Amino acid sequence: AKGVVIDAARNALAKGEPKLVRIS
């Protein structure tokens, strides 16, 4: 999950908005 989480977190930082992510 690490790679997905890092990419999603950096994207949230770039947009300045929170998000909910599902890995499944």
mmCIF file of all heavy atoms, coordinates in Angstrom:
data_MODEL
# 
_entry.id   MODEL 
# 
loop_
_atom_site.group_PDB 
_atom_site.id 
_atom_site.type_symbol 
_atom_site.label_atom_id 
_atom_site.label_alt_id 
_atom_site.label_comp_id 
_atom_site.label_asym_id 
_atom_site.label_entity_id 
_atom_site.label_seq_id 
_atom_site.pdbx_PDB_ins_code 
_atom_site.Cartn_x 
_atom_site.Cartn_y 
_atom_site.Cartn_z 
_atom_site.occupancy 
_atom_site.B_iso_or_equiv 
_atom_site.pdbx_formal_charge 
_atom_site.auth_seq_id 
_atom_site.auth_comp_id 
_atom_site.auth_asym_id 
_atom_site.auth_atom_id 
_atom_site.pdbx_PDB_model_num 
ATOM 1   N N   . ALA A 1 1  ? 0.808   -1.217 0.000  1.00 0.00 ? 1  ALA A N   1 
ATOM 2   C CA  . ALA A 1 1  ? 0.000   0.000  0.000  1.00 0.00 ? 1  ALA A CA  1 
ATOM 3   C C   . ALA A 1 1  ? 0.842   1.268  0.000  1.00 0.00 ? 1  ALA A C   1 
ATOM 4   O O   . ALA A 1 1  ? 0.331   2.343  -0.323 1.00 0.00 ? 1  ALA A O   1 
ATOM 5   C CB  . ALA A 1 1  ? -0.925  0.011  1.217  1.00 0.00 ? 1  ALA A CB  1 
ATOM 6   N N   . LYS A 1 2  ? 2.111   1.146  0.339  1.00 0.00 ? 2  LYS A N   1 
ATOM 7   C CA  . LYS A 1 2  ? 2.938   2.326  0.568  1.00 0.00 ? 2  LYS A CA  1 
ATOM 8   C C   . LYS A 1 2  ? 3.003   3.251  -0.643 1.00 0.00 ? 2  LYS A C   1 
ATOM 9   O O   . LYS A 1 2  ? 2.822   4.468  -0.536 1.00 0.00 ? 2  LYS A O   1 
ATOM 10  C CB  . LYS A 1 2  ? 4.349   1.891  0.974  1.00 0.00 ? 2  LYS A CB  1 
ATOM 11  C CG  . LYS A 1 2  ? 5.261   3.054  1.321  1.00 0.00 ? 2  LYS A CG  1 
ATOM 12  C CD  . LYS A 1 2  ? 6.614   2.557  1.802  1.00 0.00 ? 2  LYS A CD  1 
ATOM 13  C CE  . LYS A 1 2  ? 7.545   3.720  2.117  1.00 0.00 ? 2  LYS A CE  1 
ATOM 14  N NZ  . LYS A 1 2  ? 8.877   3.239  2.589  1.00 0.00 ? 2  LYS A NZ  1 
ATOM 15  N N   . GLY A 1 3  ? 3.271   2.688  -1.814 1.00 0.00 ? 3  GLY A N   1 
ATOM 16  C CA  . GLY A 1 3  ? 3.403   3.519  -3.009 1.00 0.00 ? 3  GLY A CA  1 
ATOM 17  C C   . GLY A 1 3  ? 2.132   4.271  -3.337 1.00 0.00 ? 3  GLY A C   1 
ATOM 18  O O   . GLY A 1 3  ? 2.160   5.461  -3.677 1.00 0.00 ? 3  GLY A O   1 
ATOM 19  N N   . VAL A 1 4  ? 0.999   3.575  -3.221 1.00 0.00 ? 4  VAL A N   1 
ATOM 20  C CA  . VAL A 1 4  ? -0.288  4.217  -3.497 1.00 0.00 ? 4  VAL A CA  1 
ATOM 21  C C   . VAL A 1 4  ? -0.544  5.351  -2.515 1.00 0.00 ? 4  VAL A C   1 
ATOM 22  O O   . VAL A 1 4  ? -0.972  6.443  -2.885 1.00 0.00 ? 4  VAL A O   1 
ATOM 23  C CB  . VAL A 1 4  ? -1.433  3.183  -3.422 1.00 0.00 ? 4  VAL A CB  1 
ATOM 24  C CG1 . VAL A 1 4  ? -2.796  3.872  -3.458 1.00 0.00 ? 4  VAL A CG1 1 
ATOM 25  C CG2 . VAL A 1 4  ? -1.317  2.202  -4.571 1.00 0.00 ? 4  VAL A CG2 1 
ATOM 26  N N   . VAL A 1 5  ? -0.274  5.092  -1.235 1.00 0.00 ? 5  VAL A N   1 
ATOM 27  C CA  . VAL A 1 5  ? -0.520  6.095  -0.193 1.00 0.00 ? 5  VAL A CA  1 
ATOM 28  C C   . VAL A 1 5  ? 0.342   7.327  -0.415 1.00 0.00 ? 5  VAL A C   1 
ATOM 29  O O   . VAL A 1 5  ? -0.123  8.470  -0.305 1.00 0.00 ? 5  VAL A O   1 
ATOM 30  C CB  . VAL A 1 5  ? -0.263  5.494  1.200  1.00 0.00 ? 5  VAL A CB  1 
ATOM 31  C CG1 . VAL A 1 5  ? -0.285  6.582  2.272  1.00 0.00 ? 5  VAL A CG1 1 
ATOM 32  C CG2 . VAL A 1 5  ? -1.305  4.442  1.513  1.00 0.00 ? 5  VAL A CG2 1 
ATOM 33  N N   . ILE A 1 6  ? 1.599   7.125  -0.743 1.00 0.00 ? 6  ILE A N   1 
ATOM 34  C CA  . ILE A 1 6  ? 2.497   8.264  -0.958 1.00 0.00 ? 6  ILE A CA  1 
ATOM 35  C C   . ILE A 1 6  ? 2.018   9.103  -2.139 1.00 0.00 ? 6  ILE A C   1 
ATOM 36  O O   . ILE A 1 6  ? 1.949   10.339 -2.053 1.00 0.00 ? 6  ILE A O   1 
ATOM 37  C CB  . ILE A 1 6  ? 3.942   7.779  -1.177 1.00 0.00 ? 6  ILE A CB  1 
ATOM 38  C CG1 . ILE A 1 6  ? 4.510   7.230  0.134  1.00 0.00 ? 6  ILE A CG1 1 
ATOM 39  C CG2 . ILE A 1 6  ? 4.820   8.911  -1.702 1.00 0.00 ? 6  ILE A CG2 1 
ATOM 40  C CD1 . ILE A 1 6  ? 5.875   6.596  -0.003 1.00 0.00 ? 6  ILE A CD1 1 
ATOM 41  N N   . ASP A 1 7  ? 1.668   8.455  -3.236 1.00 0.00 ? 7  ASP A N   1 
ATOM 42  C CA  . ASP A 1 7  ? 1.193   9.199  -4.413 1.00 0.00 ? 7  ASP A CA  1 
ATOM 43  C C   . ASP A 1 7  ? -0.099  9.962  -4.092 1.00 0.00 ? 7  ASP A C   1 
ATOM 44  O O   . ASP A 1 7  ? -0.253  11.130 -4.476 1.00 0.00 ? 7  ASP A O   1 
ATOM 45  C CB  . ASP A 1 7  ? 0.952   8.246  -5.585 1.00 0.00 ? 7  ASP A CB  1 
ATOM 46  C CG  . ASP A 1 7  ? 2.245   7.711  -6.178 1.00 0.00 ? 7  ASP A CG  1 
ATOM 47  O OD1 . ASP A 1 7  ? 3.305   8.302  -5.903 1.00 0.00 ? 7  ASP A OD1 1 
ATOM 48  O OD2 . ASP A 1 7  ? 2.191   6.717  -6.924 1.00 0.00 ? 7  ASP A OD2 1 
ATOM 49  N N   . ALA A 1 8  ? -1.018  9.307  -3.390 1.00 0.00 ? 8  ALA A N   1 
ATOM 50  C CA  . ALA A 1 8  ? -2.287  9.951  -3.056 1.00 0.00 ? 8  ALA A CA  1 
ATOM 51  C C   . ALA A 1 8  ? -2.072  11.118 -2.094 1.00 0.00 ? 8  ALA A C   1 
ATOM 52  O O   . ALA A 1 8  ? -2.726  12.163 -2.202 1.00 0.00 ? 8  ALA A O   1 
ATOM 53  C CB  . ALA A 1 8  ? -3.246  8.935  -2.453 1.00 0.00 ? 8  ALA A CB  1 
ATOM 54  N N   . ALA A 1 9  ? -1.157  10.955 -1.144 1.00 0.00 ? 9  ALA A N   1 
ATOM 55  C CA  . ALA A 1 9  ? -0.880  12.023 -0.185 1.00 0.00 ? 9  ALA A CA  1 
ATOM 56  C C   . ALA A 1 9  ? -0.232  13.219 -0.866 1.00 0.00 ? 9  ALA A C   1 
ATOM 57  O O   . ALA A 1 9  ? -0.566  14.376 -0.577 1.00 0.00 ? 9  ALA A O   1 
ATOM 58  C CB  . ALA A 1 9  ? 0.021   11.490 0.927  1.00 0.00 ? 9  ALA A CB  1 
ATOM 59  N N   . ARG A 1 10 ? 0.691   12.982 -1.782 1.00 0.00 ? 10 ARG A N   1 
ATOM 60  C CA  . ARG A 1 10 ? 1.337   14.093 -2.494 1.00 0.00 ? 10 ARG A CA  1 
ATOM 61  C C   . ARG A 1 10 ? 0.329   14.823 -3.372 1.00 0.00 ? 10 ARG A C   1 
ATOM 62  O O   . ARG A 1 10 ? 0.393   16.047 -3.528 1.00 0.00 ? 10 ARG A O   1 
ATOM 63  C CB  . ARG A 1 10 ? 2.511   13.566 -3.322 1.00 0.00 ? 10 ARG A CB  1 
ATOM 64  C CG  . ARG A 1 10 ? 3.620   12.969 -2.473 1.00 0.00 ? 10 ARG A CG  1 
ATOM 65  C CD  . ARG A 1 10 ? 4.792   12.496 -3.311 1.00 0.00 ? 10 ARG A CD  1 
ATOM 66  N NE  . ARG A 1 10 ? 5.563   13.625 -3.827 1.00 0.00 ? 10 ARG A NE  1 
ATOM 67  C CZ  . ARG A 1 10 ? 6.633   13.496 -4.607 1.00 0.00 ? 10 ARG A CZ  1 
ATOM 68  N NH1 . ARG A 1 10 ? 7.048   12.269 -4.948 1.00 0.00 ? 10 ARG A NH1 1 
ATOM 69  N NH2 . ARG A 1 10 ? 7.278   14.542 -5.038 1.00 0.00 ? 10 ARG A NH2 1 
ATOM 70  N N   . ASN A 1 11 ? -0.599  14.073 -3.944 1.00 0.00 ? 11 ASN A N   1 
ATOM 71  C CA  . ASN A 1 11 ? -1.649  14.697 -4.736 1.00 0.00 ? 11 ASN A CA  1 
ATOM 72  C C   . ASN A 1 11 ? -2.546  15.572 -3.855 1.00 0.00 ? 11 ASN A C   1 
ATOM 73  O O   . ASN A 1 11 ? -2.937  16.675 -4.246 1.00 0.00 ? 11 ASN A O   1 
ATOM 74  C CB  . ASN A 1 11 ? -2.467  13.624 -5.440 1.00 0.00 ? 11 ASN A CB  1 
ATOM 75  C CG  . ASN A 1 11 ? -3.555  14.202 -6.310 1.00 0.00 ? 11 ASN A CG  1 
ATOM 76  O OD1 . ASN A 1 11 ? -4.715  14.290 -5.902 1.00 0.00 ? 11 ASN A OD1 1 
ATOM 77  N ND2 . ASN A 1 11 ? -3.213  14.611 -7.524 1.00 0.00 ? 11 ASN A ND2 1 
ATOM 78  N N   . ALA A 1 12 ? -2.874  15.082 -2.659 1.00 0.00 ? 12 ALA A N   1 
ATOM 79  C CA  . ALA A 1 12 ? -3.683  15.873 -1.726 1.00 0.00 ? 12 ALA A CA  1 
ATOM 80  C C   . ALA A 1 12 ? -2.951  17.137 -1.311 1.00 0.00 ? 12 ALA A C   1 
ATOM 81  O O   . ALA A 1 12 ? -3.556  18.210 -1.169 1.00 0.00 ? 12 ALA A O   1 
ATOM 82  C CB  . ALA A 1 12 ? -4.027  15.031 -0.499 1.00 0.00 ? 12 ALA A CB  1 
ATOM 83  N N   . LEU A 1 13 ? -1.639  17.036 -1.126 1.00 0.00 ? 13 LEU A N   1 
ATOM 84  C CA  . LEU A 1 13 ? -0.849  18.212 -0.783 1.00 0.00 ? 13 LEU A CA  1 
ATOM 85  C C   . LEU A 1 13 ? -0.851  19.228 -1.923 1.00 0.00 ? 13 LEU A C   1 
ATOM 86  O O   . LEU A 1 13 ? -0.957  20.428 -1.699 1.00 0.00 ? 13 LEU A O   1 
ATOM 87  C CB  . LEU A 1 13 ? 0.593   17.802 -0.465 1.00 0.00 ? 13 LEU A CB  1 
ATOM 88  C CG  . LEU A 1 13 ? 0.848   17.269 0.939  1.00 0.00 ? 13 LEU A CG  1 
ATOM 89  C CD1 . LEU A 1 13 ? 2.243   16.664 1.025  1.00 0.00 ? 13 LEU A CD1 1 
ATOM 90  C CD2 . LEU A 1 13 ? 0.691   18.374 1.961  1.00 0.00 ? 13 LEU A CD2 1 
ATOM 91  N N   . ALA A 1 14 ? -0.727  18.729 -3.144 1.00 0.00 ? 14 ALA A N   1 
ATOM 92  C CA  . ALA A 1 14 ? -0.696  19.630 -4.305 1.00 0.00 ? 14 ALA A CA  1 
ATOM 93  C C   . ALA A 1 14 ? -2.002  20.397 -4.440 1.00 0.00 ? 14 ALA A C   1 
ATOM 94  O O   . ALA A 1 14 ? -2.015  21.583 -4.795 1.00 0.00 ? 14 ALA A O   1 
ATOM 95  C CB  . ALA A 1 14 ? -0.406  18.836 -5.574 1.00 0.00 ? 14 ALA A CB  1 
ATOM 96  N N   . LYS A 1 15 ? -3.127  19.737 -4.148 1.00 0.00 ? 15 LYS A N   1 
ATOM 97  C CA  . LYS A 1 15 ? -4.429  20.380 -4.277 1.00 0.00 ? 15 LYS A CA  1 
ATOM 98  C C   . LYS A 1 15 ? -4.866  21.089 -2.999 1.00 0.00 ? 15 LYS A C   1 
ATOM 99  O O   . LYS A 1 15 ? -5.787  21.904 -3.018 1.00 0.00 ? 15 LYS A O   1 
ATOM 100 C CB  . LYS A 1 15 ? -5.481  19.347 -4.670 1.00 0.00 ? 15 LYS A CB  1 
ATOM 101 C CG  . LYS A 1 15 ? -5.287  18.770 -6.060 1.00 0.00 ? 15 LYS A CG  1 
ATOM 102 C CD  . LYS A 1 15 ? -6.422  17.830 -6.431 1.00 0.00 ? 15 LYS A CD  1 
ATOM 103 C CE  . LYS A 1 15 ? -6.272  17.332 -7.860 1.00 0.00 ? 15 LYS A CE  1 
ATOM 104 N NZ  . LYS A 1 15 ? -7.371  16.423 -8.236 1.00 0.00 ? 15 LYS A NZ  1 
ATOM 105 N N   . GLY A 1 16 ? -4.227  20.737 -1.881 1.00 0.00 ? 16 GLY A N   1 
ATOM 106 C CA  . GLY A 1 16 ? -4.619  21.345 -0.619 1.00 0.00 ? 16 GLY A CA  1 
ATOM 107 C C   . GLY A 1 16 ? -5.968  20.885 -0.116 1.00 0.00 ? 16 GLY A C   1 
ATOM 108 O O   . GLY A 1 16 ? -6.630  21.593 0.643  1.00 0.00 ? 16 GLY A O   1 
ATOM 109 N N   . GLU A 1 17 ? -6.395  19.680 -0.511 1.00 0.00 ? 17 GLU A N   1 
ATOM 110 C CA  . GLU A 1 17 ? -7.712  19.187 -0.134 1.00 0.00 ? 17 GLU A CA  1 
ATOM 111 C C   . GLU A 1 17 ? -7.617  17.756 0.394  1.00 0.00 ? 17 GLU A C   1 
ATOM 112 O O   . GLU A 1 17 ? -6.855  16.941 -0.127 1.00 0.00 ? 17 GLU A O   1 
ATOM 113 C CB  . GLU A 1 17 ? -8.658  19.229 -1.335 1.00 0.00 ? 17 GLU A CB  1 
ATOM 114 C CG  . GLU A 1 17 ? -8.904  20.640 -1.864 1.00 0.00 ? 17 GLU A CG  1 
ATOM 115 C CD  . GLU A 1 17 ? -9.792  20.656 -3.094 1.00 0.00 ? 17 GLU A CD  1 
ATOM 116 O OE1 . GLU A 1 17 ? -10.123 19.564 -3.599 1.00 0.00 ? 17 GLU A OE1 1 
ATOM 117 O OE2 . GLU A 1 17 ? -10.149 21.752 -3.549 1.00 0.00 ? 17 GLU A OE2 1 
ATOM 118 N N   . PRO A 1 18 ? -8.401  17.426 1.441  1.00 0.00 ? 18 PRO A N   1 
ATOM 119 C CA  . PRO A 1 18 ? -8.385  16.061 1.978  1.00 0.00 ? 18 PRO A CA  1 
ATOM 120 C C   . PRO A 1 18 ? -9.036  15.077 1.026  1.00 0.00 ? 18 PRO A C   1 
ATOM 121 O O   . PRO A 1 18 ? -9.779  15.469 0.115  1.00 0.00 ? 18 PRO A O   1 
ATOM 122 C CB  . PRO A 1 18 ? -9.190  16.191 3.275  1.00 0.00 ? 18 PRO A CB  1 
ATOM 123 C CG  . PRO A 1 18 ? -10.110 17.342 3.033  1.00 0.00 ? 18 PRO A CG  1 
ATOM 124 C CD  . PRO A 1 18 ? -9.347  18.304 2.160  1.00 0.00 ? 18 PRO A CD  1 
ATOM 125 N N   . LYS A 1 19 ? -8.784  13.795 1.249  1.00 0.00 ? 19 LYS A N   1 
ATOM 126 C CA  . LYS A 1 19 ? -9.402  12.783 0.397  1.00 0.00 ? 19 LYS A CA  1 
ATOM 127 C C   . LYS A 1 19 ? -9.522  11.464 1.153  1.00 0.00 ? 19 LYS A C   1 
ATOM 128 O O   . LYS A 1 19 ? -8.811  11.211 2.129  1.00 0.00 ? 19 LYS A O   1 
ATOM 129 C CB  . LYS A 1 19 ? -8.603  12.583 -0.883 1.00 0.00 ? 19 LYS A CB  1 
ATOM 130 C CG  . LYS A 1 19 ? -7.186  12.071 -0.670 1.00 0.00 ? 19 LYS A CG  1 
ATOM 131 C CD  . LYS A 1 19 ? -6.525  11.696 -1.976 1.00 0.00 ? 19 LYS A CD  1 
ATOM 132 C CE  . LYS A 1 19 ? -6.370  12.873 -2.914 1.00 0.00 ? 19 LYS A CE  1 
ATOM 133 N NZ  . LYS A 1 19 ? -5.760  12.499 -4.204 1.00 0.00 ? 19 LYS A NZ  1 
ATOM 134 N N   . LEU A 1 20 ? -10.441 10.638 0.685  1.00 0.00 ? 20 LEU A N   1 
ATOM 135 C CA  . LEU A 1 20 ? -10.639 9.288  1.217  1.00 0.00 ? 20 LEU A CA  1 
ATOM 136 C C   . LEU A 1 20 ? -10.205 8.311  0.142  1.00 0.00 ? 20 LEU A C   1 
ATOM 137 O O   . LEU A 1 20 ? -10.643 8.408  -1.017 1.00 0.00 ? 20 LEU A O   1 
ATOM 138 C CB  . LEU A 1 20 ? -12.102 9.066  1.594  1.00 0.00 ? 20 LEU A CB  1 
ATOM 139 C CG  . LEU A 1 20 ? -12.455 7.746  2.293  1.00 0.00 ? 20 LEU A CG  1 
ATOM 140 C CD1 . LEU A 1 20 ? -11.739 7.638  3.628  1.00 0.00 ? 20 LEU A CD1 1 
ATOM 141 C CD2 . LEU A 1 20 ? -13.964 7.653  2.496  1.00 0.00 ? 20 LEU A CD2 1 
ATOM 142 N N   . VAL A 1 21 ? -9.342  7.368  0.499  1.00 0.00 ? 21 VAL A N   1 
ATOM 143 C CA  . VAL A 1 21 ? -8.744  6.444  -0.457 1.00 0.00 ? 21 VAL A CA  1 
ATOM 144 C C   . VAL A 1 21 ? -9.067  5.012  -0.039 1.00 0.00 ? 21 VAL A C   1 
ATOM 145 O O   . VAL A 1 21 ? -8.973  4.658  1.139  1.00 0.00 ? 21 VAL A O   1 
ATOM 146 C CB  . VAL A 1 21 ? -7.214  6.648  -0.520 1.00 0.00 ? 21 VAL A CB  1 
ATOM 147 C CG1 . VAL A 1 21 ? -6.550  5.535  -1.294 1.00 0.00 ? 21 VAL A CG1 1 
ATOM 148 C CG2 . VAL A 1 21 ? -6.895  8.007  -1.139 1.00 0.00 ? 21 VAL A CG2 1 
ATOM 149 N N   . ARG A 1 22 ? -9.445  4.193  -1.006 1.00 0.00 ? 22 ARG A N   1 
ATOM 150 C CA  . ARG A 1 22 ? -9.665  2.760  -0.771 1.00 0.00 ? 22 ARG A CA  1 
ATOM 151 C C   . ARG A 1 22 ? -8.688  1.965  -1.626 1.00 0.00 ? 22 ARG A C   1 
ATOM 152 O O   . ARG A 1 22 ? -8.576  2.192  -2.834 1.00 0.00 ? 22 ARG A O   1 
ATOM 153 C CB  . ARG A 1 22 ? -11.096 2.362  -1.112 1.00 0.00 ? 22 ARG A CB  1 
ATOM 154 C CG  . ARG A 1 22 ? -11.359 0.852  -0.960 1.00 0.00 ? 22 ARG A CG  1 
ATOM 155 C CD  . ARG A 1 22 ? -12.746 0.474  -1.442 1.00 0.00 ? 22 ARG A CD  1 
ATOM 156 N NE  . ARG A 1 22 ? -13.777 1.068  -0.599 1.00 0.00 ? 22 ARG A NE  1 
ATOM 157 C CZ  . ARG A 1 22 ? -14.828 1.742  -1.079 1.00 0.00 ? 22 ARG A CZ  1 
ATOM 158 N NH1 . ARG A 1 22 ? -14.981 1.904  -2.372 1.00 0.00 ? 22 ARG A NH1 1 
ATOM 159 N NH2 . ARG A 1 22 ? -15.721 2.242  -0.250 1.00 0.00 ? 22 ARG A NH2 1 
ATOM 160 N N   . ILE A 1 23 ? -7.991  1.021  -1.003 1.00 0.00 ? 23 ILE A N   1 
ATOM 161 C CA  . ILE A 1 23 ? -7.072  0.133  -1.711 1.00 0.00 ? 23 ILE A CA  1 
ATOM 162 C C   . ILE A 1 23 ? -7.644  -1.272 -1.591 1.00 0.00 ? 23 ILE A C   1 
ATOM 163 O O   . ILE A 1 23 ? -7.644  -1.866 -0.503 1.00 0.00 ? 23 ILE A O   1 
ATOM 164 C CB  . ILE A 1 23 ? -5.654  0.197  -1.126 1.00 0.00 ? 23 ILE A CB  1 
ATOM 165 C CG1 . ILE A 1 23 ? -5.156  1.644  -1.092 1.00 0.00 ? 23 ILE A CG1 1 
ATOM 166 C CG2 . ILE A 1 23 ? -4.702  -0.661 -1.938 1.00 0.00 ? 23 ILE A CG2 1 
ATOM 167 C CD1 . ILE A 1 23 ? -3.811  1.818  -0.417 1.00 0.00 ? 23 ILE A CD1 1 
ATOM 168 N N   . SER A 1 24 ? -8.152  -1.802 -2.691 1.00 0.00 ? 24 SER A N   1 
ATOM 169 C CA  . SER A 1 24 ? -8.849  -3.089 -2.638 1.00 0.00 ? 24 SER A CA  1 
ATOM 170 C C   . SER A 1 24 ? -8.995  -3.659 -4.034 1.00 0.00 ? 24 SER A C   1 
ATOM 171 O O   . SER A 1 24 ? -9.042  -2.925 -5.025 1.00 0.00 ? 24 SER A O   1 
ATOM 172 C CB  . SER A 1 24 ? -10.236 -2.904 -2.004 1.00 0.00 ? 24 SER A CB  1 
ATOM 173 O OG  . SER A 1 24 ? -10.968 -4.117 -2.018 1.00 0.00 ? 24 SER A OG  1 
# 
